[in-house]
Amino acid sequence: MIALPAAARLRGRNVLRVTDLGADELASLLSLASTLKERGREQMVLLRGKTLVMLFEKPSLRTRVSFEAGMTQLGGHAIAVNGSDVGIGTRETPEDAARVLSRYGDAIVYRTHAHEPLVRFAGAATVPTINALSEAAHPCQALADLLTIRERFGTLQGLRIAFVGDARNNVAVSVAEAAALAGMSITFAAPVTHRPSDAFLSRLVKLGEPHGVTARAFTSPIRAVRDVDVVYTDVWTSMGDEQFAERNFAALRPYQVDAALMGAAAGHALFMHCLPAHRGEEVTADVIDGARSVVFDQAENRLHAQKALLLALLTDLRGVTD
């Protein structure tokens, strides 16, 4: 009997946070994504007859297009639904919407604001639900990011990544959780107002315990990025939090990633950003558009990582890599 990859255990499950995956399942998904990337835009019939329902309550470029393109390349079909047309929390309860959409599709992608209604939605759905972004987590971005890092270094275990800026936002949380599971140590550079909690740092250490992962937070960006392999940042104000933009700008201005800060990282260090980016705010143009930047590789890898995730949730992966 041929042993199936660890990602095959994901069939029928929900993925709302990175920690819904085991370390071996995460590694297996990344390997599958690499295989699918090697096959390029080859049309496959692996999800023929399957429908993906995509529910968006927030604007989307990379998430919507990558999921729809990925589903098409796998032989399936995707339907995008505007969250304002559904009115979850006003016209519909999360549970009722989930039960209805489960009757129409084979999996659901949900991009939303608060995380708790997403949990309620997934709990009521009878098909796999994928978090395409919530206030608490962005697991699909983290999968693409780790795929990008692994492509450049050939491994993840033993590497060091620094997240600079708002270290409490959804991207910081999911990237850190994924990095810890994969054996990467994490440092954060943030003011006290945007610093991760001690409980979260301890949880990262626990996730990466088999690899001796460390997780620390610094107010000094130079200390946080010193000799790291990856420097990551994100916008200072997330969608929906525009009322805090002025406050965040004042607090995070010293945490801009510029050439001087990149100079404190290892000479081979990559610069990463999930996009969209605000040049001149969280990062300077010469860094994000420079030779060490892999931001568009990250964007492309959303497609490949999500194709792997869809296959794992909807098939037993038999014959996928043949």
C-alpha atoms as a PDB file:
ATOM      1  CA  MET A   1       0.000   0.000   0.000  1.00  0.00           C
ATOM      2  CA  ILE A   2       1.306   3.452  -0.981  1.00  0.00           C
ATOM      3  CA  ALA A   3       1.486   5.804   2.003  1.00  0.00           C
ATOM      4  CA  LEU A   4      -0.510   8.966   1.459  1.00  0.00           C
ATOM      5  CA  PRO A   5       0.996  12.356   2.377  1.00  0.00           C
ATOM      6  CA  ALA A   6       0.121  13.835   5.759  1.00  0.00           C
ATOM      7  CA  ALA A   7      -1.996  16.510   4.055  1.00  0.00           C
ATOM      8  CA  ALA A   8      -4.472  13.774   3.081  1.00  0.00           C
ATOM      9  CA  ARG A   9      -5.677  13.825   6.692  1.00  0.00           C
ATOM     10  CA  LEU A  10      -7.137  17.285   6.059  1.00  0.00           C
ATOM     11  CA  ARG A  11      -9.970  16.037   3.889  1.00  0.00           C
ATOM     12  CA  GLY A  12     -13.282  17.460   5.097  1.00  0.00           C
ATOM     13  CA  ARG A  13     -11.730  19.699   7.770  1.00  0.00           C
ATOM     14  CA  ASN A  14     -11.909  23.452   8.335  1.00  0.00           C
ATOM     15  CA  VAL A  15      -8.828  25.686   8.253  1.00  0.00           C
ATOM     16  CA  LEU A  16      -9.494  28.852  10.222  1.00  0.00           C
ATOM     17  CA  ARG A  17      -6.046  29.280  11.778  1.00  0.00           C
ATOM     18  CA  VAL A  18      -2.597  27.929  11.016  1.00  0.00           C
ATOM     19  CA  THR A  19      -2.810  25.913  14.226  1.00  0.00           C
ATOM     20  CA  ASP A  20      -5.636  23.862  12.706  1.00  0.00           C
ATOM     21  CA  LEU A  21      -2.729  22.117  10.945  1.00  0.00           C
ATOM     22  CA  GLY A  22      -0.171  19.797  12.463  1.00  0.00           C
ATOM     23  CA  ALA A  23       3.496  20.391  11.696  1.00  0.00           C
ATOM     24  CA  ASP A  24       3.622  17.392   9.358  1.00  0.00           C
ATOM     25  CA  GLU A  25       0.416  18.485   7.611  1.00  0.00           C
ATOM     26  CA  LEU A  26       1.862  21.958   7.079  1.00  0.00           C
ATOM     27  CA  ALA A  27       5.075  20.533   5.615  1.00  0.00           C
ATOM     28  CA  SER A  28       3.077  18.178   3.400  1.00  0.00           C
ATOM     29  CA  LEU A  29       0.914  21.019   2.075  1.00  0.00           C
ATOM     30  CA  LEU A  30       4.015  23.024   1.176  1.00  0.00           C
ATOM     31  CA  SER A  31       5.494  20.062  -0.685  1.00  0.00           C
ATOM     32  CA  LEU A  32       2.236  19.576  -2.578  1.00  0.00           C
ATOM     33  CA  ALA A  33       2.141  23.282  -3.427  1.00  0.00           C
ATOM     34  CA  SER A  34       5.678  23.057  -4.829  1.00  0.00           C
ATOM     35  CA  THR A  35       4.662  20.117  -7.004  1.00  0.00           C
ATOM     36  CA  LEU A  36       1.627  21.963  -8.307  1.00  0.00           C
ATOM     37  CA  LYS A  37       3.742  25.040  -9.023  1.00  0.00           C
ATOM     38  CA  GLU A  38       6.118  22.943 -11.104  1.00  0.00           C
ATOM     39  CA  ARG A  39       3.150  21.883 -13.233  1.00  0.00           C
ATOM     40  CA  GLY A  40       2.361  25.527 -13.943  1.00  0.00           C
ATOM     41  CA  ARG A  41      -1.038  26.404 -15.382  1.00  0.00           C
ATOM     42  CA  GLU A  42      -1.611  22.916 -16.673  1.00  0.00           C
ATOM     43  CA  GLN A  43      -5.333  22.203 -16.671  1.00  0.00           C
ATOM     44  CA  MET A  44      -6.195  19.339 -14.330  1.00  0.00           C
ATOM     45  CA  VAL A  45      -9.442  17.530 -13.634  1.00  0.00           C
ATOM     46  CA  LEU A  46      -8.729  16.781  -9.984  1.00  0.00           C
ATOM     47  CA  LEU A  47     -11.676  18.920  -8.823  1.00  0.00           C
ATOM     48  CA  ARG A  48     -13.914  18.441 -11.833  1.00  0.00           C
ATOM     49  CA  GLY A  49     -17.541  18.894 -10.833  1.00  0.00           C
ATOM     50  CA  LYS A  50     -16.619  20.683  -7.576  1.00  0.00           C
ATOM     51  CA  THR A  51     -17.847  24.176  -6.691  1.00  0.00           C
ATOM     52  CA  LEU A  52     -16.117  26.636  -4.378  1.00  0.00           C
ATOM     53  CA  VAL A  53     -18.308  29.349  -2.832  1.00  0.00           C
ATOM     54  CA  MET A  54     -16.323  32.490  -1.939  1.00  0.00           C
ATOM     55  CA  LEU A  55     -17.959  34.910   0.478  1.00  0.00           C
ATOM     56  CA  PHE A  56     -16.260  38.316   0.743  1.00  0.00           C
ATOM     57  CA  GLU A  57     -17.158  40.935   3.352  1.00  0.00           C
ATOM     58  CA  LYS A  58     -13.868  42.776   2.779  1.00  0.00           C
ATOM     59  CA  PRO A  59     -12.199  43.969  -0.446  1.00  0.00           C
ATOM     60  CA  SER A  60      -9.961  41.424  -2.115  1.00  0.00           C
ATOM     61  CA  LEU A  61      -7.486  41.245  -4.983  1.00  0.00           C
ATOM     62  CA  ARG A  62      -5.012  38.411  -4.390  1.00  0.00           C
ATOM     63  CA  THR A  63      -7.363  36.219  -2.365  1.00  0.00           C
ATOM     64  CA  ARG A  64     -10.283  36.299  -4.761  1.00  0.00           C
ATOM     65  CA  VAL A  65      -8.310  35.960  -7.987  1.00  0.00           C
ATOM     66  CA  SER A  66      -5.931  33.282  -6.680  1.00  0.00           C
ATOM     67  CA  PHE A  67      -8.737  31.103  -5.338  1.00  0.00           C
ATOM     68  CA  GLU A  68     -10.819  31.472  -8.488  1.00  0.00           C
ATOM     69  CA  ALA A  69      -7.853  30.861 -10.797  1.00  0.00           C
ATOM     70  CA  GLY A  70      -6.728  27.913  -8.687  1.00  0.00           C
ATOM     71  CA  MET A  71     -10.154  26.299  -8.709  1.00  0.00           C
ATOM     72  CA  THR A  72     -10.349  26.762 -12.487  1.00  0.00           C
ATOM     73  CA  GLN A  73      -6.916  25.219 -13.030  1.00  0.00           C
ATOM     74  CA  LEU A  74      -7.956  22.226 -10.941  1.00  0.00           C
ATOM     75  CA  GLY A  75     -11.015  21.667 -13.109  1.00  0.00           C
ATOM     76  CA  GLY A  76     -13.604  23.093 -10.716  1.00  0.00           C
ATOM     77  CA  HIS A  77     -15.731  26.221 -10.562  1.00  0.00           C
ATOM     78  CA  ALA A  78     -15.797  29.195  -8.166  1.00  0.00           C
ATOM     79  CA  ILE A  79     -18.649  31.542  -7.290  1.00  0.00           C
ATOM     80  CA  ALA A  80     -17.930  34.882  -5.587  1.00  0.00           C
ATOM     81  CA  VAL A  81     -20.610  36.356  -3.323  1.00  0.00           C
ATOM     82  CA  ASN A  82     -20.523  39.910  -1.940  1.00  0.00           C
ATOM     83  CA  GLY A  83     -20.982  39.845   1.822  1.00  0.00           C
ATOM     84  CA  SER A  84     -23.150  42.976   1.750  1.00  0.00           C
ATOM     85  CA  ASP A  85     -25.663  41.038  -0.367  1.00  0.00           C
ATOM     86  CA  VAL A  86     -25.831  38.286   2.254  1.00  0.00           C
ATOM     87  CA  GLY A  87     -25.892  40.401   5.418  1.00  0.00           C
ATOM     88  CA  ILE A  88     -24.514  37.886   7.894  1.00  0.00           C
ATOM     89  CA  GLY A  89     -25.316  39.216  11.349  1.00  0.00           C
ATOM     90  CA  THR A  90     -28.172  41.357  10.041  1.00  0.00           C
ATOM     91  CA  ARG A  91     -30.283  39.527   7.441  1.00  0.00           C
ATOM     92  CA  GLU A  92     -28.824  36.068   8.137  1.00  0.00           C
ATOM     93  CA  THR A  93     -27.223  34.386  11.116  1.00  0.00           C
ATOM     94  CA  PRO A  94     -23.782  32.850  10.477  1.00  0.00           C
ATOM     95  CA  GLU A  95     -25.302  29.422  11.091  1.00  0.00           C
ATOM     96  CA  ASP A  96     -28.154  29.831   8.598  1.00  0.00           C
ATOM     97  CA  ALA A  97     -25.862  31.214   5.900  1.00  0.00           C
ATOM     98  CA  ALA A  98     -23.430  28.323   6.422  1.00  0.00           C
ATOM     99  CA  ARG A  99     -26.170  25.690   6.160  1.00  0.00           C
ATOM    100  CA  VAL A 100     -27.514  27.228   2.971  1.00  0.00           C
ATOM    101  CA  LEU A 101     -24.147  27.663   1.235  1.00  0.00           C
ATOM    102  CA  SER A 102     -23.164  24.115   2.204  1.00  0.00           C
ATOM    103  CA  ARG A 103     -26.076  22.901   0.057  1.00  0.00           C
ATOM    104  CA  TYR A 104     -24.640  24.700  -2.989  1.00  0.00           C
ATOM    105  CA  GLY A 105     -20.879  24.228  -2.774  1.00  0.00           C
ATOM    106  CA  ASP A 106     -18.256  21.639  -1.907  1.00  0.00           C
ATOM    107  CA  ALA A 107     -16.138  24.116   0.086  1.00  0.00           C
ATOM    108  CA  ILE A 108     -16.497  27.686   1.307  1.00  0.00           C
ATOM    109  CA  VAL A 109     -13.920  30.477   1.444  1.00  0.00           C
ATOM    110  CA  TYR A 110     -14.928  33.254   3.848  1.00  0.00           C
ATOM    111  CA  ARG A 111     -13.200  36.651   4.141  1.00  0.00           C
ATOM    112  CA  THR A 112     -14.636  38.644   7.002  1.00  0.00           C
ATOM    113  CA  HIS A 113     -14.097  41.038   9.907  1.00  0.00           C
ATOM    114  CA  ALA A 114     -14.559  39.543  13.377  1.00  0.00           C
ATOM    115  CA  HIS A 115     -13.304  36.002  13.922  1.00  0.00           C
ATOM    116  CA  GLU A 116     -16.064  34.720  16.233  1.00  0.00           C
ATOM    117  CA  PRO A 117     -18.859  34.747  13.591  1.00  0.00           C
ATOM    118  CA  LEU A 118     -16.485  32.860  11.281  1.00  0.00           C
ATOM    119  CA  VAL A 119     -16.068  30.166  13.933  1.00  0.00           C
ATOM    120  CA  ARG A 120     -19.853  29.939  14.280  1.00  0.00           C
ATOM    121  CA  PHE A 121     -20.217  29.775  10.498  1.00  0.00           C
ATOM    122  CA  ALA A 122     -17.650  26.982  10.145  1.00  0.00           C
ATOM    123  CA  GLY A 123     -19.213  25.059  13.004  1.00  0.00           C
ATOM    124  CA  ALA A 124     -22.568  24.995  11.217  1.00  0.00           C
ATOM    125  CA  ALA A 125     -21.231  24.346   7.709  1.00  0.00           C
ATOM    126  CA  THR A 126     -21.286  20.769   6.430  1.00  0.00           C
ATOM    127  CA  VAL A 127     -18.465  21.346   3.926  1.00  0.00           C
ATOM    128  CA  PRO A 128     -14.883  22.534   4.580  1.00  0.00           C
ATOM    129  CA  THR A 129     -14.549  26.233   5.441  1.00  0.00           C
ATOM    130  CA  ILE A 130     -11.355  28.214   4.797  1.00  0.00           C
ATOM    131  CA  ASN A 131     -10.549  31.486   6.530  1.00  0.00           C
ATOM    132  CA  ALA A 132      -9.582  33.865   3.735  1.00  0.00           C
ATOM    133  CA  LEU A 133      -8.844  36.587   6.338  1.00  0.00           C
ATOM    134  CA  SER A 134     -10.378  37.604   9.632  1.00  0.00           C
ATOM    135  CA  GLU A 135      -9.279  40.036  12.320  1.00  0.00           C
ATOM    136  CA  ALA A 136      -7.596  37.180  14.167  1.00  0.00           C
ATOM    137  CA  ALA A 137      -5.848  35.215  11.425  1.00  0.00           C
ATOM    138  CA  HIS A 138      -4.773  34.964   7.782  1.00  0.00           C
ATOM    139  CA  PRO A 139      -3.655  31.341   7.349  1.00  0.00           C
ATOM    140  CA  CYS A 140      -3.658  31.347   3.531  1.00  0.00           C
ATOM    141  CA  GLN A 141      -1.127  34.181   3.499  1.00  0.00           C
ATOM    142  CA  ALA A 142       1.112  32.305   5.908  1.00  0.00           C
ATOM    143  CA  LEU A 143       1.096  29.195   3.705  1.00  0.00           C
ATOM    144  CA  ALA A 144       2.194  31.243   0.705  1.00  0.00           C
ATOM    145  CA  ASP A 145       4.875  32.992   2.751  1.00  0.00           C
ATOM    146  CA  LEU A 146       6.443  29.770   4.001  1.00  0.00           C
ATOM    147  CA  LEU A 147       6.377  28.345   0.480  1.00  0.00           C
ATOM    148  CA  THR A 148       8.263  31.446  -0.703  1.00  0.00           C
ATOM    149  CA  ILE A 149      10.880  31.198   2.036  1.00  0.00           C
ATOM    150  CA  ARG A 150      11.397  27.481   1.453  1.00  0.00           C
ATOM    151  CA  GLU A 151      11.920  28.083  -2.263  1.00  0.00           C
ATOM    152  CA  ARG A 152      14.709  30.561  -1.536  1.00  0.00           C
ATOM    153  CA  PHE A 153      16.499  28.697   1.258  1.00  0.00           C
ATOM    154  CA  GLY A 154      15.646  25.063   0.517  1.00  0.00           C
ATOM    155  CA  THR A 155      14.514  24.583   4.101  1.00  0.00           C
ATOM    156  CA  LEU A 156      12.641  26.337   6.893  1.00  0.00           C
ATOM    157  CA  GLN A 157      14.006  24.682  10.006  1.00  0.00           C
ATOM    158  CA  GLY A 158      16.611  26.779  11.789  1.00  0.00           C
ATOM    159  CA  LEU A 159      15.869  30.023   9.947  1.00  0.00           C
ATOM    160  CA  ARG A 160      15.015  33.281  11.739  1.00  0.00           C
ATOM    161  CA  ILE A 161      12.251  35.707  10.791  1.00  0.00           C
ATOM    162  CA  ALA A 162      11.563  39.183  12.163  1.00  0.00           C
ATOM    163  CA  PHE A 163       8.164  40.856  11.950  1.00  0.00           C
ATOM    164  CA  VAL A 164       8.398  44.660  12.157  1.00  0.00           C
ATOM    165  CA  GLY A 165       5.477  46.969  12.949  1.00  0.00           C
ATOM    166  CA  ASP A 166       2.041  45.951  14.191  1.00  0.00           C
ATOM    167  CA  ALA A 167       2.980  42.631  15.757  1.00  0.00           C
ATOM    168  CA  ARG A 168      -0.590  41.930  16.852  1.00  0.00           C
ATOM    169  CA  ASN A 169      -2.286  41.972  13.472  1.00  0.00           C
ATOM    170  CA  ASN A 170      -3.683  38.920  11.702  1.00  0.00           C
ATOM    171  CA  VAL A 171      -0.760  38.483   9.325  1.00  0.00           C
ATOM    172  CA  ALA A 172       1.825  38.719  12.119  1.00  0.00           C
ATOM    173  CA  VAL A 173      -0.051  36.099  14.137  1.00  0.00           C
ATOM    174  CA  SER A 174      -0.466  33.601  11.304  1.00  0.00           C
ATOM    175  CA  VAL A 175       3.040  34.010   9.883  1.00  0.00           C
ATOM    176  CA  ALA A 176       4.531  33.550  13.363  1.00  0.00           C
ATOM    177  CA  GLU A 177       2.438  30.440  14.065  1.00  0.00           C
ATOM    178  CA  ALA A 178       3.380  28.890  10.733  1.00  0.00           C
ATOM    179  CA  ALA A 179       7.045  29.756  11.203  1.00  0.00           C
ATOM    180  CA  ALA A 180       7.131  28.192  14.662  1.00  0.00           C
ATOM    181  CA  LEU A 181       5.470  24.993  13.434  1.00  0.00           C
ATOM    182  CA  ALA A 182       8.063  24.785  10.666  1.00  0.00           C
ATOM    183  CA  GLY A 183      11.009  25.269  13.020  1.00  0.00           C
ATOM    184  CA  MET A 184      11.752  28.948  12.474  1.00  0.00           C
ATOM    185  CA  SER A 185      12.553  31.285  15.360  1.00  0.00           C
ATOM    186  CA  ILE A 186      10.696  34.578  15.501  1.00  0.00           C
ATOM    187  CA  THR A 187      11.463  38.090  16.695  1.00  0.00           C
ATOM    188  CA  PHE A 188       9.056  41.023  16.723  1.00  0.00           C
ATOM    189  CA  ALA A 189       9.889  44.722  16.556  1.00  0.00           C
ATOM    190  CA  ALA A 190       7.032  46.803  17.895  1.00  0.00           C
ATOM    191  CA  PRO A 191       6.191  49.533  20.390  1.00  0.00           C
ATOM    192  CA  VAL A 192       4.543  48.418  23.612  1.00  0.00           C
ATOM    193  CA  THR A 193       1.131  49.353  22.190  1.00  0.00           C
ATOM    194  CA  HIS A 194       1.530  46.869  19.329  1.00  0.00           C
ATOM    195  CA  ARG A 195       3.595  44.194  21.052  1.00  0.00           C
ATOM    196  CA  PRO A 196       2.468  40.536  21.103  1.00  0.00           C
ATOM    197  CA  SER A 197       1.436  39.242  24.499  1.00  0.00           C
ATOM    198  CA  ASP A 198       3.737  37.115  26.612  1.00  0.00           C
ATOM    199  CA  ALA A 199       1.147  34.350  26.364  1.00  0.00           C
ATOM    200  CA  PHE A 200       1.374  34.425  22.572  1.00  0.00           C
ATOM    201  CA  LEU A 201       5.181  34.331  22.658  1.00  0.00           C
ATOM    202  CA  SER A 202       5.003  31.321  24.970  1.00  0.00           C
ATOM    203  CA  ARG A 203       2.561  29.634  22.628  1.00  0.00           C
ATOM    204  CA  LEU A 204       4.961  30.094  19.720  1.00  0.00           C
ATOM    205  CA  VAL A 205       7.766  28.494  21.718  1.00  0.00           C
ATOM    206  CA  LYS A 206       5.453  25.578  22.496  1.00  0.00           C
ATOM    207  CA  LEU A 207       4.525  25.163  18.834  1.00  0.00           C
ATOM    208  CA  GLY A 208       8.174  25.060  17.847  1.00  0.00           C
ATOM    209  CA  GLU A 209       9.388  23.060  20.840  1.00  0.00           C
ATOM    210  CA  PRO A 210      10.541  20.049  18.770  1.00  0.00           C
ATOM    211  CA  HIS A 211      12.945  22.366  16.918  1.00  0.00           C
ATOM    212  CA  GLY A 212      14.052  24.562  19.827  1.00  0.00           C
ATOM    213  CA  VAL A 213      12.288  27.614  18.421  1.00  0.00           C
ATOM    214  CA  THR A 214      12.610  30.922  20.259  1.00  0.00           C
ATOM    215  CA  ALA A 215      10.179  33.852  20.167  1.00  0.00           C
ATOM    216  CA  ARG A 216      11.071  37.317  21.500  1.00  0.00           C
ATOM    217  CA  ALA A 217       9.744  40.869  21.197  1.00  0.00           C
ATOM    218  CA  PHE A 218      11.874  44.022  21.126  1.00  0.00           C
ATOM    219  CA  THR A 219      11.057  47.706  21.065  1.00  0.00           C
ATOM    220  CA  SER A 220      14.287  48.237  19.105  1.00  0.00           C
ATOM    221  CA  PRO A 221      13.856  47.304  15.422  1.00  0.00           C
ATOM    222  CA  ILE A 222      17.630  46.986  14.989  1.00  0.00           C
ATOM    223  CA  ARG A 223      17.830  44.361  17.753  1.00  0.00           C
ATOM    224  CA  ALA A 224      14.895  42.453  16.324  1.00  0.00           C
ATOM    225  CA  VAL A 225      16.263  42.182  12.774  1.00  0.00           C
ATOM    226  CA  ARG A 226      19.921  41.643  13.612  1.00  0.00           C
ATOM    227  CA  ASP A 227      21.229  38.734  11.466  1.00  0.00           C
ATOM    228  CA  VAL A 228      17.747  37.367  10.669  1.00  0.00           C
ATOM    229  CA  ASP A 229      17.041  35.573   7.394  1.00  0.00           C
ATOM    230  CA  VAL A 230      13.693  37.256   6.682  1.00  0.00           C
ATOM    231  CA  VAL A 231      12.366  40.739   7.463  1.00  0.00           C
ATOM    232  CA  TYR A 232       8.569  40.993   7.221  1.00  0.00           C
ATOM    233  CA  THR A 233       6.276  43.978   7.578  1.00  0.00           C
ATOM    234  CA  ASP A 234       2.673  44.912   6.841  1.00  0.00           C
ATOM    235  CA  VAL A 235       0.564  48.055   6.609  1.00  0.00           C
ATOM    236  CA  TRP A 236       0.231  49.965   9.861  1.00  0.00           C
ATOM    237  CA  THR A 237      -3.553  50.096   9.736  1.00  0.00           C
ATOM    238  CA  SER A 238      -5.674  47.141   8.666  1.00  0.00           C
ATOM    239  CA  MET A 239      -8.865  47.347   6.618  1.00  0.00           C
ATOM    240  CA  GLY A 240     -11.726  48.483   8.789  1.00  0.00           C
ATOM    241  CA  ASP A 241      -9.471  50.178  11.352  1.00  0.00           C
ATOM    242  CA  GLU A 242      -8.978  53.453   9.484  1.00  0.00           C
ATOM    243  CA  GLN A 243     -10.090  55.431  12.551  1.00  0.00           C
ATOM    244  CA  PHE A 244      -6.806  54.398  14.185  1.00  0.00           C
ATOM    245  CA  ALA A 245      -4.593  55.428  11.250  1.00  0.00           C
ATOM    246  CA  GLU A 246      -3.239  58.626  12.809  1.00  0.00           C
ATOM    247  CA  ARG A 247      -2.501  56.907  16.124  1.00  0.00           C
ATOM    248  CA  ASN A 248      -0.799  53.984  14.397  1.00  0.00           C
ATOM    249  CA  PHE A 249       1.302  56.249  12.199  1.00  0.00           C
ATOM    250  CA  ALA A 250       2.650  58.072  15.236  1.00  0.00           C
ATOM    251  CA  ALA A 251       3.437  54.867  17.125  1.00  0.00           C
ATOM    252  CA  LEU A 252       4.903  52.890  14.217  1.00  0.00           C
ATOM    253  CA  ARG A 253       6.844  55.560  12.315  1.00  0.00           C
ATOM    254  CA  PRO A 254      10.150  54.445  13.941  1.00  0.00           C
ATOM    255  CA  TYR A 255       9.484  50.920  12.615  1.00  0.00           C
ATOM    256  CA  GLN A 256       9.655  51.719   8.923  1.00  0.00           C
ATOM    257  CA  VAL A 257      11.702  49.116   7.042  1.00  0.00           C
ATOM    258  CA  ASP A 258      14.351  51.033   5.136  1.00  0.00           C
ATOM    259  CA  ALA A 259      17.778  50.236   3.721  1.00  0.00           C
ATOM    260  CA  ALA A 260      19.470  50.916   7.054  1.00  0.00           C
ATOM    261  CA  LEU A 261      17.233  48.455   8.875  1.00  0.00           C
ATOM    262  CA  MET A 262      17.693  45.810   6.173  1.00  0.00           C
ATOM    263  CA  GLY A 263      21.417  46.349   6.603  1.00  0.00           C
ATOM    264  CA  ALA A 264      21.202  44.968  10.134  1.00  0.00           C
ATOM    265  CA  ALA A 265      19.741  41.685   8.856  1.00  0.00           C
ATOM    266  CA  ALA A 266      21.844  38.909   7.376  1.00  0.00           C
ATOM    267  CA  GLY A 267      23.364  39.748   3.992  1.00  0.00           C
ATOM    268  CA  HIS A 268      21.142  37.186   2.307  1.00  0.00           C
ATOM    269  CA  ALA A 269      17.963  38.293   4.108  1.00  0.00           C
ATOM    270  CA  LEU A 270      14.705  38.509   2.189  1.00  0.00           C
ATOM    271  CA  PHE A 271      12.182  41.307   2.498  1.00  0.00           C
ATOM    272  CA  MET A 272       8.529  40.231   2.663  1.00  0.00           C
ATOM    273  CA  HIS A 273       5.192  42.042   2.663  1.00  0.00           C
ATOM    274  CA  CYS A 274       1.733  40.541   2.128  1.00  0.00           C
ATOM    275  CA  LEU A 275       0.509  43.536   0.057  1.00  0.00           C
ATOM    276  CA  PRO A 276      -1.079  45.958  -0.498  1.00  0.00           C
ATOM    277  CA  ALA A 277       1.803  48.177   0.571  1.00  0.00           C
ATOM    278  CA  HIS A 278       2.137  51.879   1.340  1.00  0.00           C
ATOM    279  CA  ARG A 279       5.551  52.938   0.073  1.00  0.00           C
ATOM    280  CA  GLY A 280       7.005  55.656   2.257  1.00  0.00           C
ATOM    281  CA  GLU A 281       5.145  54.427   5.331  1.00  0.00           C
ATOM    282  CA  GLU A 282       5.865  50.894   6.607  1.00  0.00           C
ATOM    283  CA  VAL A 283       8.524  50.355   3.921  1.00  0.00           C
ATOM    284  CA  THR A 284      10.605  52.522   1.626  1.00  0.00           C
ATOM    285  CA  ALA A 285      10.353  52.120  -2.135  1.00  0.00           C
ATOM    286  CA  ASP A 286      14.006  51.121  -2.492  1.00  0.00           C
ATOM    287  CA  VAL A 287      13.455  48.135  -0.189  1.00  0.00           C
ATOM    288  CA  ILE A 288      10.145  46.800  -1.496  1.00  0.00           C
ATOM    289  CA  ASP A 289      11.232  47.308  -5.099  1.00  0.00           C
ATOM    290  CA  GLY A 290      14.789  46.157  -4.487  1.00  0.00           C
ATOM    291  CA  ALA A 291      16.648  42.934  -5.194  1.00  0.00           C
ATOM    292  CA  ARG A 292      15.970  41.411  -1.765  1.00  0.00           C
ATOM    293  CA  SER A 293      12.213  41.804  -2.028  1.00  0.00           C
ATOM    294  CA  VAL A 294      10.115  38.714  -2.785  1.00  0.00           C
ATOM    295  CA  VAL A 295       6.689  40.328  -2.416  1.00  0.00           C
ATOM    296  CA  PHE A 296       5.460  39.290  -5.860  1.00  0.00           C
ATOM    297  CA  ASP A 297       6.693  35.733  -5.345  1.00  0.00           C
ATOM    298  CA  GLN A 298       4.547  35.731  -2.198  1.00  0.00           C
ATOM    299  CA  ALA A 299       1.575  36.977  -4.204  1.00  0.00           C
ATOM    300  CA  GLU A 300       2.027  34.283  -6.847  1.00  0.00           C
ATOM    301  CA  ASN A 301       2.426  31.592  -4.228  1.00  0.00           C
ATOM    302  CA  ARG A 302      -1.029  32.348  -2.859  1.00  0.00           C
ATOM    303  CA  LEU A 303      -2.264  30.518  -5.964  1.00  0.00           C
ATOM    304  CA  HIS A 304      -0.130  27.417  -5.495  1.00  0.00           C
ATOM    305  CA  ALA A 305      -0.564  27.118  -1.728  1.00  0.00           C
ATOM    306  CA  GLN A 306      -4.331  27.471  -2.000  1.00  0.00           C
ATOM    307  CA  LYS A 307      -4.536  24.905  -4.788  1.00  0.00           C
ATOM    308  CA  ALA A 308      -2.769  22.484  -2.465  1.00  0.00           C
ATOM    309  CA  LEU A 309      -5.157  23.347   0.365  1.00  0.00           C
ATOM    310  CA  LEU A 310      -8.238  22.861  -1.820  1.00  0.00           C
ATOM    311  CA  LEU A 311      -7.009  19.475  -3.005  1.00  0.00           C
ATOM    312  CA  ALA A 312      -6.266  18.376   0.552  1.00  0.00           C
ATOM    313  CA  LEU A 313      -9.691  19.425   1.831  1.00  0.00           C
ATOM    314  CA  LEU A 314     -11.650  17.985  -1.091  1.00  0.00           C
ATOM    315  CA  THR A 315      -9.779  14.819  -2.128  1.00  0.00           C
ATOM    316  CA  ASP A 316      -7.738  12.008  -0.586  1.00  0.00           C
ATOM    317  CA  LEU A 317      -4.757  13.138  -2.726  1.00  0.00           C
ATOM    318  CA  ARG A 318      -4.427   9.753  -4.438  1.00  0.00           C
ATOM    319  CA  GLY A 319      -2.774  10.272  -7.783  1.00  0.00           C
ATOM    320  CA  VAL A 320      -2.345  14.012  -7.315  1.00  0.00           C
ATOM    321  CA  THR A 321       1.428  13.962  -7.722  1.00  0.00           C
ATOM    322  CA  ASP A 322       1.590  11.124 -10.279  1.00  0.00           C
END
